[in-house]
Amino acid sequence: MSSAMLTKMHINGYDVLSVNSGPWRVCTQADRLGSFASREEALAYAAALPARKERGGRAANVK
């Protein structure tokens, strides 16, 4: 039995990942933003995107 190999990096608030030496993907937790043939292309795309901040809970209006 073989297991999947995941290569994952984080840049500018985005995940850059590849599974089993497949295409490199730039993702957020909810969306896939792009798919690229090389790691360099994916990293360049993620670096060109505006910085993304993780959103916290909805505790702003809690009394």
Protein backbone atom coordinates (compact mmCIF):
# COMPACT_ATOMS: atom_id res chain seq x y z
CA MET A 1 0.00 0.00 0.00
CA SER A 2 1.35 3.46 -0.85
CA SER A 3 0.62 6.66 0.97
CA ALA A 4 0.18 10.12 -0.48
CA MET A 5 3.09 12.51 -0.18
CA LEU A 6 2.17 16.11 0.58
CA THR A 7 4.55 19.03 0.08
CA LYS A 8 3.16 22.20 1.61
CA MET A 9 4.44 25.75 2.09
CA HIS A 10 2.83 28.89 3.40
CA ILE A 11 3.46 32.33 1.87
CA ASN A 12 1.61 35.63 2.26
CA GLY A 13 -1.25 33.85 4.04
CA TYR A 14 -1.77 31.31 1.22
CA ASP A 15 -1.01 27.60 1.11
CA VAL A 16 1.20 26.38 -1.75
CA LEU A 17 1.00 22.61 -2.00
CA SER A 18 1.62 19.58 -4.17
CA VAL A 19 0.38 16.02 -3.70
CA ASN A 20 2.36 13.07 -5.11
CA SER A 21 4.54 15.30 -7.32
CA GLY A 22 1.43 16.58 -9.10
CA PRO A 23 0.69 20.18 -10.05
CA TRP A 24 1.40 22.90 -7.51
CA ARG A 25 -1.72 24.60 -6.16
CA VAL A 26 -2.22 27.96 -4.45
CA CYS A 27 -5.13 27.75 -2.01
CA THR A 28 -6.93 29.35 0.87
CA GLN A 29 -8.79 27.22 3.37
CA ALA A 30 -11.93 27.42 1.22
CA ASP A 31 -10.77 28.02 -2.38
CA ARG A 32 -8.20 26.87 -4.90
CA LEU A 33 -6.87 30.00 -6.59
CA GLY A 34 -4.55 28.49 -9.18
CA SER A 35 -2.70 25.40 -10.38
CA PHE A 36 0.85 25.51 -11.76
CA ALA A 37 3.40 23.15 -13.32
CA SER A 38 6.32 24.29 -11.15
CA ARG A 39 6.84 25.31 -7.54
CA GLU A 40 8.48 28.56 -8.64
CA GLU A 41 5.42 29.62 -10.65
CA ALA A 42 3.10 28.85 -7.72
CA LEU A 43 5.30 30.75 -5.25
CA ALA A 44 5.54 33.75 -7.59
CA TYR A 45 1.75 33.81 -7.95
CA ALA A 46 1.20 33.58 -4.18
CA ALA A 47 3.78 36.33 -3.59
CA ALA A 48 2.00 38.60 -6.09
CA LEU A 49 -1.36 38.26 -4.31
CA PRO A 50 -2.31 40.75 -1.58
CA ALA A 51 -1.36 39.56 1.91
CA ARG A 52 -4.16 37.53 3.45
CA LYS A 53 -4.96 37.62 7.16
CA GLU A 54 -6.57 34.74 8.97
CA ARG A 55 -9.96 35.75 10.27
CA GLY A 56 -10.61 35.22 13.94
CA GLY A 57 -13.88 34.21 15.54
CA ARG A 58 -16.94 36.40 15.58
CA ALA A 59 -16.24 37.73 19.06
CA ALA A 60 -16.33 41.43 18.07
CA ASN A 61 -19.88 42.10 19.33
CA VAL A 62 -19.89 39.86 22.36
CA LYS A 63 -20.91 41.61 25.59
